[in-house]
Amino acid sequence: MFSRACEYGIRATILIATHSIVGERVSLKDIARKTDSPLAFTGKVLQQLVKGGIVTSVQGVNGGFEIGRKQMEETRLSQIVAAIDGEQIFRACGLGLQECNAKKPCPLHDKFASIRNDLKTMLEGTSILDLSTGLKDGLTFLQR
C-alpha cells in the first residue's frame, strides 16, 4: 500500500520519537540498523522527513534526529505519508488506471473509495506519539 520509502519513513519517525521521549537524539546509522533499512536509502528518506517538517536534524558531535513532544502529539501519520508518497494514495485508482472517477469508474471504484476513506481516517487520527508509546513500552516492534 505504501512505498518502501514511506514504510521506512514511518518506522524511522516512530524510532526517533521513542528516543526523543527520553531526551535522546538518534543517529542515521542507528536508525538504519534499528529499522532494518539500507543506510543510504534511510538518509534520503530522513531528508524528506526533515524537509516536510516531521523531524529535526541536529548537526555536530551530539547531533542526530529528534522530534519535540508537541510535534509528536500534533503530527499525524497522514503527514508522513504525504511528505514521502504525496497525497496520491487518497485519490488513486484501485486498479492503477490514470482516470477513474464517479462518472467513469473502474470495476473496483466504489469498493476502493470506501477503503481509501477508511485509510485516510485512520492516518489522520493517528499521531506519532500514539505509535511511539507502544514501542517504548515493548508492546510493538520495528524489527522481526
C-alpha atoms as a PDB file:
ATOM      1  CA  MET A   1       0.000   0.000   0.000  1.00  0.00           C
ATOM      2  CA  PHE A   2       2.769   2.442   0.947  1.00  0.00           C
ATOM      3  CA  SER A   3       6.014   2.772  -0.968  1.00  0.00           C
ATOM      4  CA  ARG A   4       9.098   1.214   0.572  1.00  0.00           C
ATOM      5  CA  ALA A   5      10.398   4.734   1.282  1.00  0.00           C
ATOM      6  CA  CYS A   6       7.205   5.567   3.136  1.00  0.00           C
ATOM      7  CA  GLU A   7       7.382   2.370   5.195  1.00  0.00           C
ATOM      8  CA  TYR A   8      10.955   3.222   6.210  1.00  0.00           C
ATOM      9  CA  GLY A   9       9.925   6.815   6.904  1.00  0.00           C
ATOM     10  CA  ILE A  10       7.152   5.733   9.248  1.00  0.00           C
ATOM     11  CA  ARG A  11       9.470   3.310  11.047  1.00  0.00           C
ATOM     12  CA  ALA A  12      12.214   5.938  11.335  1.00  0.00           C
ATOM     13  CA  THR A  13       9.814   8.565  12.683  1.00  0.00           C
ATOM     14  CA  ILE A  14       8.458   6.187  15.316  1.00  0.00           C
ATOM     15  CA  LEU A  15      12.006   5.272  16.368  1.00  0.00           C
ATOM     16  CA  ILE A  16      13.091   8.918  16.539  1.00  0.00           C
ATOM     17  CA  ALA A  17      10.020   9.754  18.629  1.00  0.00           C
ATOM     18  CA  THR A  18      10.717   6.888  21.013  1.00  0.00           C
ATOM     19  CA  HIS A  19      14.235   8.189  21.623  1.00  0.00           C
ATOM     20  CA  SER A  20      13.048  11.791  21.820  1.00  0.00           C
ATOM     21  CA  ILE A  21      10.551  10.929  24.568  1.00  0.00           C
ATOM     22  CA  VAL A  22      13.508  10.182  26.851  1.00  0.00           C
ATOM     23  CA  GLY A  23      15.528  13.178  25.625  1.00  0.00           C
ATOM     24  CA  GLU A  24      17.830  11.373  23.211  1.00  0.00           C
ATOM     25  CA  ARG A  25      18.754  12.042  19.610  1.00  0.00           C
ATOM     26  CA  VAL A  26      19.305   9.087  17.326  1.00  0.00           C
ATOM     27  CA  SER A  27      21.920   8.863  14.582  1.00  0.00           C
ATOM     28  CA  LEU A  28      21.327   7.957  10.964  1.00  0.00           C
ATOM     29  CA  LYS A  29      23.376   4.793  11.456  1.00  0.00           C
ATOM     30  CA  ASP A  30      21.278   3.687  14.444  1.00  0.00           C
ATOM     31  CA  ILE A  31      18.014   4.455  12.641  1.00  0.00           C
ATOM     32  CA  ALA A  32      19.064   2.345   9.654  1.00  0.00           C
ATOM     33  CA  ARG A  33      20.178  -0.526  11.880  1.00  0.00           C
ATOM     34  CA  LYS A  34      17.142  -0.491  14.183  1.00  0.00           C
ATOM     35  CA  THR A  35      14.627  -0.290  11.325  1.00  0.00           C
ATOM     36  CA  ASP A  36      16.351  -2.815   9.010  1.00  0.00           C
ATOM     37  CA  SER A  37      16.748  -0.142   6.364  1.00  0.00           C
ATOM     38  CA  PRO A  38      19.690   0.464   3.990  1.00  0.00           C
ATOM     39  CA  LEU A  39      21.845   3.349   5.275  1.00  0.00           C
ATOM     40  CA  ALA A  40      21.928   5.498   2.107  1.00  0.00           C
ATOM     41  CA  PHE A  41      18.222   4.983   1.455  1.00  0.00           C
ATOM     42  CA  THR A  42      17.427   5.861   5.073  1.00  0.00           C
ATOM     43  CA  GLY A  43      19.407   9.078   4.680  1.00  0.00           C
ATOM     44  CA  LYS A  44      17.316  10.102   1.675  1.00  0.00           C
ATOM     45  CA  VAL A  45      14.072   9.280   3.471  1.00  0.00           C
ATOM     46  CA  LEU A  46      15.159  11.280   6.517  1.00  0.00           C
ATOM     47  CA  GLN A  47      15.937  14.260   4.272  1.00  0.00           C
ATOM     48  CA  GLN A  48      12.316  14.152   3.079  1.00  0.00           C
ATOM     49  CA  LEU A  49      11.072  13.987   6.667  1.00  0.00           C
ATOM     50  CA  VAL A  50      13.217  16.975   7.675  1.00  0.00           C
ATOM     51  CA  LYS A  51      12.064  18.928   4.617  1.00  0.00           C
ATOM     52  CA  GLY A  52       8.453  18.023   5.447  1.00  0.00           C
ATOM     53  CA  GLY A  53       8.876  19.359   8.985  1.00  0.00           C
ATOM     54  CA  ILE A  54       8.246  15.950  10.552  1.00  0.00           C
ATOM     55  CA  VAL A  55      11.617  15.526  12.300  1.00  0.00           C
ATOM     56  CA  THR A  56      14.546  17.791  13.096  1.00  0.00           C
ATOM     57  CA  SER A  57      18.188  17.155  12.241  1.00  0.00           C
ATOM     58  CA  VAL A  58      20.884  18.453  14.577  1.00  0.00           C
ATOM     59  CA  GLN A  59      24.472  18.582  13.339  1.00  0.00           C
ATOM     60  CA  GLY A  60      27.599  18.046  15.421  1.00  0.00           C
ATOM     61  CA  VAL A  61      29.105  15.655  17.934  1.00  0.00           C
ATOM     62  CA  ASN A  62      25.871  15.250  19.898  1.00  0.00           C
ATOM     63  CA  GLY A  63      23.754  15.543  16.782  1.00  0.00           C
ATOM     64  CA  GLY A  64      21.192  13.249  15.290  1.00  0.00           C
ATOM     65  CA  PHE A  65      17.474  13.265  14.668  1.00  0.00           C
ATOM     66  CA  GLU A  66      14.788  14.297  17.105  1.00  0.00           C
ATOM     67  CA  ILE A  67      11.167  15.318  17.338  1.00  0.00           C
ATOM     68  CA  GLY A  68       9.655  17.526  20.038  1.00  0.00           C
ATOM     69  CA  ARG A  69       6.894  16.273  22.335  1.00  0.00           C
ATOM     70  CA  LYS A  70       4.358  18.774  20.995  1.00  0.00           C
ATOM     71  CA  GLN A  71       5.325  17.806  17.446  1.00  0.00           C
ATOM     72  CA  MET A  72       4.759  14.123  18.315  1.00  0.00           C
ATOM     73  CA  GLU A  73       1.280  14.924  19.600  1.00  0.00           C
ATOM     74  CA  GLU A  74       0.344  17.084  16.613  1.00  0.00           C
ATOM     75  CA  THR A  75       1.963  15.204  13.718  1.00  0.00           C
ATOM     76  CA  ARG A  76      -0.323  12.665  12.121  1.00  0.00           C
ATOM     77  CA  LEU A  77       0.653   9.564  10.222  1.00  0.00           C
ATOM     78  CA  SER A  78      -1.006  11.123   7.179  1.00  0.00           C
ATOM     79  CA  GLN A  79       1.628  13.879   7.207  1.00  0.00           C
ATOM     80  CA  ILE A  80       4.463  11.339   6.934  1.00  0.00           C
ATOM     81  CA  VAL A  81       2.689   9.612   4.055  1.00  0.00           C
ATOM     82  CA  ALA A  82       2.125  12.966   2.318  1.00  0.00           C
ATOM     83  CA  ALA A  83       5.767  14.041   2.857  1.00  0.00           C
ATOM     84  CA  ILE A  84       7.121  10.889   1.225  1.00  0.00           C
ATOM     85  CA  ASP A  85       4.449   9.444  -1.093  1.00  0.00           C
ATOM     86  CA  GLY A  86       2.342  12.542  -1.643  1.00  0.00           C
ATOM     87  CA  GLU A  87      -1.437  12.784  -1.483  1.00  0.00           C
ATOM     88  CA  GLN A  88      -1.993  10.366  -4.385  1.00  0.00           C
ATOM     89  CA  ILE A  89      -2.777   7.449  -2.081  1.00  0.00           C
ATOM     90  CA  PHE A  90      -6.013   9.213  -1.133  1.00  0.00           C
ATOM     91  CA  ARG A  91      -7.110   9.606  -4.762  1.00  0.00           C
ATOM     92  CA  ALA A  92      -5.517   6.739  -6.678  1.00  0.00           C
ATOM     93  CA  CYS A  93      -7.497   4.158  -8.607  1.00  0.00           C
ATOM     94  CA  GLY A  94      -7.545   0.662  -7.090  1.00  0.00           C
ATOM     95  CA  LEU A  95      -6.598  -0.786 -10.478  1.00  0.00           C
ATOM     96  CA  GLY A  96      -3.992   1.850 -11.257  1.00  0.00           C
ATOM     97  CA  LEU A  97      -5.950   3.492 -14.063  1.00  0.00           C
ATOM     98  CA  GLN A  98      -4.983   7.060 -14.979  1.00  0.00           C
ATOM     99  CA  GLU A  99      -8.541   8.333 -14.908  1.00  0.00           C
ATOM    100  CA  CYS A 100     -11.024   6.785 -12.539  1.00  0.00           C
ATOM    101  CA  ASN A 101     -13.862   8.762 -11.045  1.00  0.00           C
ATOM    102  CA  ALA A 102     -17.558   8.534 -10.222  1.00  0.00           C
ATOM    103  CA  LYS A 103     -18.513   9.397 -13.827  1.00  0.00           C
ATOM    104  CA  LYS A 104     -16.184   6.800 -15.387  1.00  0.00           C
ATOM    105  CA  PRO A 105     -15.490   4.304 -12.574  1.00  0.00           C
ATOM    106  CA  CYS A 106     -13.299   1.234 -12.763  1.00  0.00           C
ATOM    107  CA  PRO A 107     -14.819  -2.067 -11.552  1.00  0.00           C
ATOM    108  CA  LEU A 108     -13.321  -1.501  -8.060  1.00  0.00           C
ATOM    109  CA  HIS A 109     -14.116   2.213  -7.783  1.00  0.00           C
ATOM    110  CA  ASP A 110     -16.937   2.171  -5.246  1.00  0.00           C
ATOM    111  CA  LYS A 111     -15.420  -0.523  -3.020  1.00  0.00           C
ATOM    112  CA  PHE A 112     -11.946   1.000  -3.152  1.00  0.00           C
ATOM    113  CA  ALA A 113     -13.259   4.507  -2.401  1.00  0.00           C
ATOM    114  CA  SER A 114     -14.576   3.191   0.903  1.00  0.00           C
ATOM    115  CA  ILE A 115     -11.204   1.604   1.743  1.00  0.00           C
ATOM    116  CA  ARG A 116      -9.363   4.818   0.816  1.00  0.00           C
ATOM    117  CA  ASN A 117     -11.675   6.837   3.064  1.00  0.00           C
ATOM    118  CA  ASP A 118     -11.148   4.447   5.990  1.00  0.00           C
ATOM    119  CA  LEU A 119      -7.393   4.577   5.457  1.00  0.00           C
ATOM    120  CA  LYS A 120      -7.427   8.369   5.385  1.00  0.00           C
ATOM    121  CA  THR A 121      -9.467   8.478   8.596  1.00  0.00           C
ATOM    122  CA  MET A 122      -7.011   6.133  10.336  1.00  0.00           C
ATOM    123  CA  LEU A 123      -3.934   8.017   9.103  1.00  0.00           C
ATOM    124  CA  GLU A 124      -5.365  11.394  10.120  1.00  0.00           C
ATOM    125  CA  GLY A 125      -6.447  10.082  13.518  1.00  0.00           C
ATOM    126  CA  THR A 126      -3.113   8.531  14.484  1.00  0.00           C
ATOM    127  CA  SER A 127      -0.364  10.666  15.995  1.00  0.00           C
ATOM    128  CA  ILE A 128       3.336   9.890  16.139  1.00  0.00           C
ATOM    129  CA  LEU A 129       3.007   9.822  19.920  1.00  0.00           C
ATOM    130  CA  ASP A 130       0.283   7.138  19.655  1.00  0.00           C
ATOM    131  CA  LEU A 131       2.641   4.895  17.692  1.00  0.00           C
ATOM    132  CA  SER A 132       5.814   5.538  19.681  1.00  0.00           C
ATOM    133  CA  THR A 133       4.260   4.805  23.066  1.00  0.00           C
ATOM    134  CA  GLY A 134       3.683   1.128  22.237  1.00  0.00           C
ATOM    135  CA  LEU A 135       7.259   0.777  21.018  1.00  0.00           C
ATOM    136  CA  LYS A 136       8.649   2.415  24.151  1.00  0.00           C
ATOM    137  CA  ASP A 137       6.579   0.091  26.355  1.00  0.00           C
ATOM    138  CA  GLY A 138       7.678  -3.019  24.407  1.00  0.00           C
ATOM    139  CA  LEU A 139       4.174  -3.705  23.120  1.00  0.00           C
ATOM    140  CA  THR A 140       5.049  -3.089  19.462  1.00  0.00           C
ATOM    141  CA  PHE A 141       8.169  -3.728  17.372  1.00  0.00           C
ATOM    142  CA  LEU A 142      10.006  -2.278  14.357  1.00  0.00           C
ATOM    143  CA  GLN A 143      12.065  -5.396  13.617  1.00  0.00           C
ATOM    144  CA  ARG A 144      11.230  -9.078  13.285  1.00  0.00           C
END
